[in-house]
PDB file of N, CA and C in Angstrom:
ATOM      1  N   MET A   1      39.181 -14.019  20.167  1.00  0.00           N
ATOM      2  CA  MET A   1      39.165 -12.735  20.805  1.00  0.00           C
ATOM      3  C   MET A   1      38.068 -12.692  21.854  1.00  0.00           C
ATOM      4  N   ALA A   2      38.217 -13.415  22.873  1.00  0.00           N
ATOM      5  CA  ALA A   2      37.210 -13.493  23.918  1.00  0.00           C
ATOM      6  C   ALA A   2      37.021 -12.173  24.642  1.00  0.00           C
ATOM      7  N   ASN A   3      38.052 -11.329  24.685  1.00  0.00           N
ATOM      8  CA  ASN A   3      37.961 -10.080  25.422  1.00  0.00           C
ATOM      9  C   ASN A   3      37.617  -8.880  24.544  1.00  0.00           C
ATOM     10  N   ALA A   4      37.318  -9.099  23.287  1.00  0.00           N
ATOM     11  CA  ALA A   4      36.991  -7.990  22.386  1.00  0.00           C
ATOM     12  C   ALA A   4      35.655  -7.374  22.807  1.00  0.00           C
ATOM     13  N   PRO A   5      35.533  -6.040  22.699  1.00  0.00           N
ATOM     14  CA  PRO A   5      34.254  -5.416  23.064  1.00  0.00           C
ATOM     15  C   PRO A   5      33.143  -5.882  22.136  1.00  0.00           C
ATOM     16  N   LYS A   6      31.987  -6.052  22.700  1.00  0.00           N
ATOM     17  CA  LYS A   6      30.838  -6.506  21.923  1.00  0.00           C
ATOM     18  C   LYS A   6      30.357  -5.373  21.018  1.00  0.00           C
ATOM     19  N   ASP A   7      30.083  -5.706  19.769  1.00  0.00           N
ATOM     20  CA  ASP A   7      29.563  -4.725  18.817  1.00  0.00           C
ATOM     21  C   ASP A   7      28.075  -4.544  19.079  1.00  0.00           C
ATOM     22  N   ARG A   8      27.708  -3.398  19.594  1.00  0.00           N
ATOM     23  CA  ARG A   8      26.308  -3.135  19.923  1.00  0.00           C
ATOM     24  C   ARG A   8      25.583  -2.390  18.811  1.00  0.00           C
ATOM     25  N   SER A   9      26.259  -2.145  17.696  1.00  0.00           N
ATOM     26  CA  SER A   9      25.634  -1.385  16.621  1.00  0.00           C
ATOM     27  C   SER A   9      24.448  -2.110  16.010  1.00  0.00           C
ATOM     28  N   LYS A  10      24.360  -3.391  16.201  1.00  0.00           N
ATOM     29  CA  LYS A  10      23.272  -4.165  15.608  1.00  0.00           C
ATOM     30  C   LYS A  10      22.035  -4.188  16.503  1.00  0.00           C
ATOM     31  N   THR A  11      22.116  -3.639  17.700  1.00  0.00           N
ATOM     32  CA  THR A  11      20.996  -3.701  18.629  1.00  0.00           C
ATOM     33  C   THR A  11      19.983  -2.594  18.411  1.00  0.00           C
ATOM     34  N   GLY A  12      20.328  -1.596  17.611  1.00  0.00           N
ATOM     35  CA  GLY A  12      19.420  -0.480  17.408  1.00  0.00           C
ATOM     36  C   GLY A  12      19.572   0.595  18.468  1.00  0.00           C
ATOM     37  N   THR A  13      20.514   0.423  19.371  1.00  0.00           N
ATOM     38  CA  THR A  13      20.751   1.408  20.414  1.00  0.00           C
ATOM     39  C   THR A  13      21.434   2.631  19.839  1.00  0.00           C
ATOM     40  N   ILE A  14      20.929   3.799  20.189  1.00  0.00           N
ATOM     41  CA  ILE A  14      21.567   5.046  19.786  1.00  0.00           C
ATOM     42  C   ILE A  14      22.588   5.389  20.868  1.00  0.00           C
ATOM     43  N   HIS A  15      23.822   5.522  20.474  1.00  0.00           N
ATOM     44  CA  HIS A  15      24.868   5.832  21.427  1.00  0.00           C
ATOM     45  C   HIS A  15      24.906   7.331  21.681  1.00  0.00           C
ATOM     46  N   PHE A  16      25.196   7.710  22.913  1.00  0.00           N
ATOM     47  CA  PHE A  16      25.186   9.111  23.333  1.00  0.00           C
ATOM     48  C   PHE A  16      26.003   9.996  22.400  1.00  0.00           C
ATOM     49  N   GLU A  17      27.154   9.515  21.957  1.00  0.00           N
ATOM     50  CA  GLU A  17      28.024  10.340  21.115  1.00  0.00           C
ATOM     51  C   GLU A  17      27.437  10.595  19.723  1.00  0.00           C
ATOM     52  N   ASN A  18      26.362   9.902  19.360  1.00  0.00           N
ATOM     53  CA  ASN A  18      25.726  10.088  18.053  1.00  0.00           C
ATOM     54  C   ASN A  18      24.451  10.930  18.107  1.00  0.00           C
ATOM     55  N   VAL A  19      23.998  11.295  19.283  1.00  0.00           N
ATOM     56  CA  VAL A  19      22.730  12.001  19.436  1.00  0.00           C
ATOM     57  C   VAL A  19      22.700  13.291  18.624  1.00  0.00           C
ATOM     58  N   ASP A  20      23.738  14.105  18.697  1.00  0.00           N
ATOM     59  CA  ASP A  20      23.757  15.368  17.957  1.00  0.00           C
ATOM     60  C   ASP A  20      23.660  15.137  16.456  1.00  0.00           C
ATOM     61  N   SER A  21      24.278  14.087  15.964  1.00  0.00           N
ATOM     62  CA  SER A  21      24.215  13.781  14.530  1.00  0.00           C
ATOM     63  C   SER A  21      22.793  13.419  14.116  1.00  0.00           C
ATOM     64  N   TYR A  22      22.095  12.654  14.956  1.00  0.00           N
ATOM     65  CA  TYR A  22      20.708  12.312  14.653  1.00  0.00           C
ATOM     66  C   TYR A  22      19.835  13.563  14.661  1.00  0.00           C
ATOM     67  N   LEU A  23      20.003  14.427  15.669  1.00  0.00           N
ATOM     68  CA  LEU A  23      19.202  15.645  15.753  1.00  0.00           C
ATOM     69  C   LEU A  23      19.456  16.549  14.556  1.00  0.00           C
ATOM     70  N   ASP A  24      20.692  16.607  14.102  1.00  0.00           N
ATOM     71  CA  ASP A  24      21.041  17.370  12.905  1.00  0.00           C
ATOM     72  C   ASP A  24      20.333  16.790  11.677  1.00  0.00           C
ATOM     73  N   LEU A  25      20.334  15.486  11.566  1.00  0.00           N
ATOM     74  CA  LEU A  25      19.667  14.806  10.451  1.00  0.00           C
ATOM     75  C   LEU A  25      18.176  15.123  10.445  1.00  0.00           C
ATOM     76  N   TYR A  26      17.541  15.067  11.614  1.00  0.00           N
ATOM     77  CA  TYR A  26      16.114  15.360  11.714  1.00  0.00           C
ATOM     78  C   TYR A  26      15.824  16.798  11.297  1.00  0.00           C
ATOM     79  N   ALA A  27      16.698  17.741  11.683  1.00  0.00           N
ATOM     80  CA  ALA A  27      16.518  19.145  11.301  1.00  0.00           C
ATOM     81  C   ALA A  27      16.600  19.301   9.787  1.00  0.00           C
ATOM     82  N   HIS A  28      17.490  18.555   9.160  1.00  0.00           N
ATOM     83  CA  HIS A  28      17.621  18.590   7.704  1.00  0.00           C
ATOM     84  C   HIS A  28      16.353  18.066   7.024  1.00  0.00           C
ATOM     85  N   ILE A  29      15.816  16.981   7.533  1.00  0.00           N
ATOM     86  CA  ILE A  29      14.594  16.408   6.962  1.00  0.00           C
ATOM     87  C   ILE A  29      13.468  17.433   7.024  1.00  0.00           C
ATOM     88  N   LYS A  30      13.304  18.072   8.172  1.00  0.00           N
ATOM     89  CA  LYS A  30      12.253  19.077   8.320  1.00  0.00           C
ATOM     90  C   LYS A  30      12.486  20.259   7.380  1.00  0.00           C
ATOM     91  N   TYR A  31      13.719  20.717   7.303  1.00  0.00           N
ATOM     92  CA  TYR A  31      14.055  21.847   6.442  1.00  0.00           C
ATOM     93  C   TYR A  31      13.688  21.549   4.984  1.00  0.00           C
ATOM     94  N   TYR A  32      14.123  20.394   4.488  1.00  0.00           N
ATOM     95  CA  TYR A  32      13.872  20.057   3.080  1.00  0.00           C
ATOM     96  C   TYR A  32      12.396  19.738   2.824  1.00  0.00           C
ATOM     97  N   ARG A  33      11.689  19.229   3.826  1.00  0.00           N
ATOM     98  CA  ARG A  33      10.247  19.018   3.677  1.00  0.00           C
ATOM     99  C   ARG A  33       9.546  20.364   3.499  1.00  0.00           C
ATOM    100  N   GLN A  34       9.887  21.308   4.369  1.00  0.00           N
ATOM    101  CA  GLN A  34       9.260  22.626   4.287  1.00  0.00           C
ATOM    102  C   GLN A  34       9.649  23.338   2.993  1.00  0.00           C
ATOM    103  N   LYS A  35      10.901  23.193   2.592  1.00  0.00           N
ATOM    104  CA  LYS A  35      11.362  23.817   1.349  1.00  0.00           C
ATOM    105  C   LYS A  35      10.598  23.254   0.140  1.00  0.00           C
ATOM    106  N   ALA A  36      10.253  21.969   0.198  1.00  0.00           N
ATOM    107  CA  ALA A  36       9.508  21.325  -0.888  1.00  0.00           C
ATOM    108  C   ALA A  36       8.015  21.658  -0.835  1.00  0.00           C
ATOM    109  N   GLY A  37       7.590  22.343   0.228  1.00  0.00           N
ATOM    110  CA  GLY A  37       6.183  22.712   0.352  1.00  0.00           C
ATOM    111  C   GLY A  37       5.280  21.554   0.704  1.00  0.00           C
ATOM    112  N   LEU A  38       5.841  20.556   1.379  1.00  0.00           N
ATOM    113  CA  LEU A  38       5.065  19.373   1.763  1.00  0.00           C
ATOM    114  C   LEU A  38       4.694  19.443   3.235  1.00  0.00           C
ATOM    115  N   ASN A  39       3.508  18.964   3.571  1.00  0.00           N
ATOM    116  CA  ASN A  39       3.201  18.805   4.992  1.00  0.00           C
ATOM    117  C   ASN A  39       3.673  17.409   5.420  1.00  0.00           C
ATOM    118  N   GLN A  40       3.598  17.136   6.699  1.00  0.00           N
ATOM    119  CA  GLN A  40       4.101  15.851   7.197  1.00  0.00           C
ATOM    120  C   GLN A  40       3.334  14.676   6.611  1.00  0.00           C
ATOM    121  N   GLU A  41       2.047  14.831   6.463  1.00  0.00           N
ATOM    122  CA  GLU A  41       1.226  13.747   5.909  1.00  0.00           C
ATOM    123  C   GLU A  41       1.662  13.392   4.491  1.00  0.00           C
ATOM    124  N   GLU A  42       1.903  14.410   3.676  1.00  0.00           N
ATOM    125  CA  GLU A  42       2.308  14.179   2.284  1.00  0.00           C
ATOM    126  C   GLU A  42       3.673  13.505   2.205  1.00  0.00           C
ATOM    127  N   LEU A  43       4.640  14.004   2.980  1.00  0.00           N
ATOM    128  CA  LEU A  43       5.971  13.401   2.939  1.00  0.00           C
ATOM    129  C   LEU A  43       5.937  11.979   3.473  1.00  0.00           C
ATOM    130  N   ALA A  44       5.238  11.765   4.558  1.00  0.00           N
ATOM    131  CA  ALA A  44       5.152  10.415   5.131  1.00  0.00           C
ATOM    132  C   ALA A  44       4.563   9.442   4.116  1.00  0.00           C
ATOM    133  N   HIS A  45       3.512   9.864   3.435  1.00  0.00           N
ATOM    134  CA  HIS A  45       2.890   9.006   2.420  1.00  0.00           C
ATOM    135  C   HIS A  45       3.884   8.682   1.305  1.00  0.00           C
ATOM    136  N   ARG A  46       4.566   9.699   0.806  1.00  0.00           N
ATOM    137  CA  ARG A  46       5.527   9.504  -0.289  1.00  0.00           C
ATOM    138  C   ARG A  46       6.711   8.631   0.128  1.00  0.00           C
ATOM    139  N   ALA A  47       7.093   8.723   1.402  1.00  0.00           N
ATOM    140  CA  ALA A  47       8.247   7.963   1.894  1.00  0.00           C
ATOM    141  C   ALA A  47       7.858   6.610   2.478  1.00  0.00           C
ATOM    142  N   ASN A  48       6.554   6.320   2.472  1.00  0.00           N
ATOM    143  CA  ASN A  48       6.053   5.042   2.978  1.00  0.00           C
ATOM    144  C   ASN A  48       6.363   4.837   4.468  1.00  0.00           C
ATOM    145  N   ILE A  49       6.169   5.910   5.238  1.00  0.00           N
ATOM    146  CA  ILE A  49       6.309   5.835   6.700  1.00  0.00           C
ATOM    147  C   ILE A  49       5.061   6.472   7.305  1.00  0.00           C
ATOM    148  N   SER A  50       4.869   6.284   8.588  1.00  0.00           N
ATOM    149  CA  SER A  50       3.702   6.892   9.221  1.00  0.00           C
ATOM    150  C   SER A  50       3.974   8.364   9.516  1.00  0.00           C
ATOM    151  N   ARG A  51       2.902   9.143   9.516  1.00  0.00           N
ATOM    152  CA  ARG A  51       3.030  10.551   9.846  1.00  0.00           C
ATOM    153  C   ARG A  51       3.515  10.728  11.271  1.00  0.00           C
ATOM    154  N   SER A  52       3.074   9.856  12.172  1.00  0.00           N
ATOM    155  CA  SER A  52       3.492   9.969  13.570  1.00  0.00           C
ATOM    156  C   SER A  52       4.996   9.713  13.725  1.00  0.00           C
ATOM    157  N   PHE A  53       5.551   8.800  12.922  1.00  0.00           N
ATOM    158  CA  PHE A  53       6.994   8.563  12.977  1.00  0.00           C
ATOM    159  C   PHE A  53       7.747   9.796  12.481  1.00  0.00           C
ATOM    160  N   LEU A  54       7.300  10.357  11.354  1.00  0.00           N
ATOM    161  CA  LEU A  54       7.934  11.561  10.823  1.00  0.00           C
ATOM    162  C   LEU A  54       7.811  12.701  11.822  1.00  0.00           C
ATOM    163  N   SER A  55       6.651  12.848  12.413  1.00  0.00           N
ATOM    164  CA  SER A  55       6.432  13.896  13.402  1.00  0.00           C
ATOM    165  C   SER A  55       7.375  13.745  14.593  1.00  0.00           C
ATOM    166  N   SER A  56       7.576  12.520  15.043  1.00  0.00           N
ATOM    167  CA  SER A  56       8.465  12.298  16.186  1.00  0.00           C
ATOM    168  C   SER A  56       9.912  12.629  15.837  1.00  0.00           C
ATOM    169  N   LEU A  57      10.301  12.395  14.579  1.00  0.00           N
ATOM    170  CA  LEU A  57      11.651  12.766  14.164  1.00  0.00           C
ATOM    171  C   LEU A  57      11.798  14.281  14.169  1.00  0.00           C
ATOM    172  N   GLU A  58      10.847  14.949  13.561  1.00  0.00           N
ATOM    173  CA  GLU A  58      10.934  16.399  13.419  1.00  0.00           C
ATOM    174  C   GLU A  58      10.777  17.137  14.738  1.00  0.00           C
ATOM    175  N   SER A  59      10.052  16.562  15.674  1.00  0.00           N
ATOM    176  CA  SER A  59       9.849  17.239  16.954  1.00  0.00           C
ATOM    177  C   SER A  59      11.091  17.144  17.836  1.00  0.00           C
ATOM    178  N   ARG A  60      11.948  16.210  17.501  1.00  0.00           N
ATOM    179  CA  ARG A  60      13.194  16.006  18.241  1.00  0.00           C
ATOM    180  C   ARG A  60      12.943  15.668  19.712  1.00  0.00           C
ATOM    181  N   SER A  61      11.740  15.185  20.003  1.00  0.00           N
ATOM    182  CA  SER A  61      11.386  14.866  21.383  1.00  0.00           C
ATOM    183  C   SER A  61      12.051  13.580  21.861  1.00  0.00           C
ATOM    184  N   ARG A  62      12.408  12.759  20.915  1.00  0.00           N
ATOM    185  CA  ARG A  62      13.050  11.483  21.244  1.00  0.00           C
ATOM    186  C   ARG A  62      13.974  11.129  20.091  1.00  0.00           C
ATOM    187  N   VAL A  63      15.178  10.753  20.419  1.00  0.00           N
ATOM    188  CA  VAL A  63      16.113  10.358  19.369  1.00  0.00           C
ATOM    189  C   VAL A  63      15.801   8.932  18.971  1.00  0.00           C
ATOM    190  N   ARG A  64      15.399   8.781  17.725  1.00  0.00           N
ATOM    191  CA  ARG A  64      15.041   7.473  17.191  1.00  0.00           C
ATOM    192  C   ARG A  64      15.928   7.168  16.011  1.00  0.00           C
ATOM    193  N   GLY A  65      16.220   5.921  15.845  1.00  0.00           N
ATOM    194  CA  GLY A  65      16.979   5.505  14.683  1.00  0.00           C
ATOM    195  C   GLY A  65      16.066   5.358  13.483  1.00  0.00           C
ATOM    196  N   LEU A  66      16.670   5.342  12.320  1.00  0.00           N
ATOM    197  CA  LEU A  66      15.915   5.048  11.125  1.00  0.00           C
ATOM    198  C   LEU A  66      16.787   4.211  10.215  1.00  0.00           C
ATOM    199  N   THR A  67      16.156   3.380   9.450  1.00  0.00           N
ATOM    200  CA  THR A  67      16.911   2.487   8.579  1.00  0.00           C
ATOM    201  C   THR A  67      17.412   3.247   7.362  1.00  0.00           C
ATOM    202  N   MET A  68      18.376   2.673   6.693  1.00  0.00           N
ATOM    203  CA  MET A  68      18.858   3.251   5.444  1.00  0.00           C
ATOM    204  C   MET A  68      17.721   3.282   4.421  1.00  0.00           C
ATOM    205  N   GLU A  69      16.883   2.276   4.436  1.00  0.00           N
ATOM    206  CA  GLU A  69      15.735   2.226   3.529  1.00  0.00           C
ATOM    207  C   GLU A  69      14.836   3.445   3.744  1.00  0.00           C
ATOM    208  N   THR A  70      14.548   3.752   4.992  1.00  0.00           N
ATOM    209  CA  THR A  70      13.723   4.916   5.307  1.00  0.00           C
ATOM    210  C   THR A  70      14.422   6.199   4.896  1.00  0.00           C
ATOM    211  N   LEU A  71      15.704   6.283   5.157  1.00  0.00           N
ATOM    212  CA  LEU A  71      16.480   7.463   4.765  1.00  0.00           C
ATOM    213  C   LEU A  71      16.419   7.665   3.250  1.00  0.00           C
ATOM    214  N   PHE A  72      16.637   6.611   2.488  1.00  0.00           N
ATOM    215  CA  PHE A  72      16.584   6.704   1.028  1.00  0.00           C
ATOM    216  C   PHE A  72      15.171   7.048   0.541  1.00  0.00           C
ATOM    217  N   ASN A  73      14.152   6.479   1.185  1.00  0.00           N
ATOM    218  CA  ASN A  73      12.769   6.791   0.818  1.00  0.00           C
ATOM    219  C   ASN A  73      12.471   8.270   1.054  1.00  0.00           C
ATOM    220  N   LEU A  74      12.940   8.807   2.174  1.00  0.00           N
ATOM    221  CA  LEU A  74      12.738  10.225   2.463  1.00  0.00           C
ATOM    222  C   LEU A  74      13.436  11.093   1.416  1.00  0.00           C
ATOM    223  N   CYS A  75      14.651  10.731   1.072  1.00  0.00           N
ATOM    224  CA  CYS A  75      15.394  11.501   0.065  1.00  0.00           C
ATOM    225  C   CYS A  75      14.702  11.464  -1.285  1.00  0.00           C
ATOM    226  N   ARG A  76      14.222  10.303  -1.678  1.00  0.00           N
ATOM    227  CA  ARG A  76      13.518  10.180  -2.955  1.00  0.00           C
ATOM    228  C   ARG A  76      12.244  11.023  -2.926  1.00  0.00           C
ATOM    229  N   ALA A  77      11.525  10.969  -1.817  1.00  0.00           N
ATOM    230  CA  ALA A  77      10.282  11.734  -1.690  1.00  0.00           C
ATOM    231  C   ALA A  77      10.549  13.237  -1.690  1.00  0.00           C
ATOM    232  N   LEU A  78      11.701  13.637  -1.179  1.00  0.00           N
ATOM    233  CA  LEU A  78      12.075  15.053  -1.153  1.00  0.00           C
ATOM    234  C   LEU A  78      12.812  15.478  -2.423  1.00  0.00           C
ATOM    235  N   ASP A  79      13.129  14.514  -3.260  1.00  0.00           N
ATOM    236  CA  ASP A  79      13.863  14.752  -4.497  1.00  0.00           C
ATOM    237  C   ASP A  79      15.227  15.403  -4.235  1.00  0.00           C
ATOM    238  N   ILE A  80      15.917  14.840  -3.255  1.00  0.00           N
ATOM    239  CA  ILE A  80      17.273  15.306  -2.932  1.00  0.00           C
ATOM    240  C   ILE A  80      18.195  14.098  -2.804  1.00  0.00           C
ATOM    241  N   PRO A  81      19.481  14.266  -3.096  1.00  0.00           N
ATOM    242  CA  PRO A  81      20.420  13.166  -2.874  1.00  0.00           C
ATOM    243  C   PRO A  81      20.670  13.019  -1.368  1.00  0.00           C
ATOM    244  N   PRO A  82      20.918  11.812  -0.895  1.00  0.00           N
ATOM    245  CA  PRO A  82      21.159  11.604   0.537  1.00  0.00           C
ATOM    246  C   PRO A  82      22.248  12.510   1.118  1.00  0.00           C
ATOM    247  N   LEU A  83      23.240  12.833   0.331  1.00  0.00           N
ATOM    248  CA  LEU A  83      24.322  13.690   0.807  1.00  0.00           C
ATOM    249  C   LEU A  83      23.809  15.022   1.349  1.00  0.00           C
ATOM    250  N   LYS A  84      22.719  15.549   0.778  1.00  0.00           N
ATOM    251  CA  LYS A  84      22.152  16.829   1.222  1.00  0.00           C
ATOM    252  C   LYS A  84      21.801  16.821   2.702  1.00  0.00           C
ATOM    253  N   LEU A  85      21.446  15.645   3.224  1.00  0.00           N
ATOM    254  CA  LEU A  85      21.056  15.560   4.629  1.00  0.00           C
ATOM    255  C   LEU A  85      22.256  15.651   5.584  1.00  0.00           C
ATOM    256  N   PHE A  86      23.453  15.642   5.014  1.00  0.00           N
ATOM    257  CA  PHE A  86      24.649  15.674   5.856  1.00  0.00           C
ATOM    258  C   PHE A  86      25.505  16.907   5.611  1.00  0.00           C
ATOM    259  N   GLU A  87      25.051  17.769   4.692  1.00  0.00           N
ATOM    260  CA  GLU A  87      25.752  19.007   4.432  1.00  0.00           C
ATOM    261  C   GLU A  87      25.191  20.104   5.328  1.00  0.00           C
ATOM    262  N   PRO A  88      25.961  21.157   5.597  1.00  0.00           N
ATOM    263  CA  PRO A  88      25.411  22.250   6.407  1.00  0.00           C
ATOM    264  C   PRO A  88      24.174  22.846   5.734  1.00  0.00           C
ATOM    265  N   LEU A  89      23.204  23.206   6.552  1.00  0.00           N
ATOM    266  CA  LEU A  89      22.007  23.844   6.004  1.00  0.00           C
ATOM    267  C   LEU A  89      22.339  25.251   5.538  1.00  0.00           C
ATOM    268  N   PRO A  90      21.661  25.682   4.471  1.00  0.00           N
ATOM    269  CA  PRO A  90      21.910  27.057   3.970  1.00  0.00           C
ATOM    270  C   PRO A  90      21.492  28.108   4.973  1.00  0.00           C
TER     271      PRO A  90
END
């Protein structure tokens, strides 16, 4: 299949059509952090990420990817199942 489109999903590039989904995910993380009564420093420590990385996600200033490992760590630190991050916010 010499003419097949190249799979760019492995490059870490965020595709334009996924930007809204990432921003929605970041809003969920912030919502559940605040609901848990945690500041960014506390959640970052519990999730084993830097506070500046968490801050950049929550500020929505730049769309950044995150690994499944980071996503699961955040969920564990927030004591929520990963599915909660994809359901409509209350």
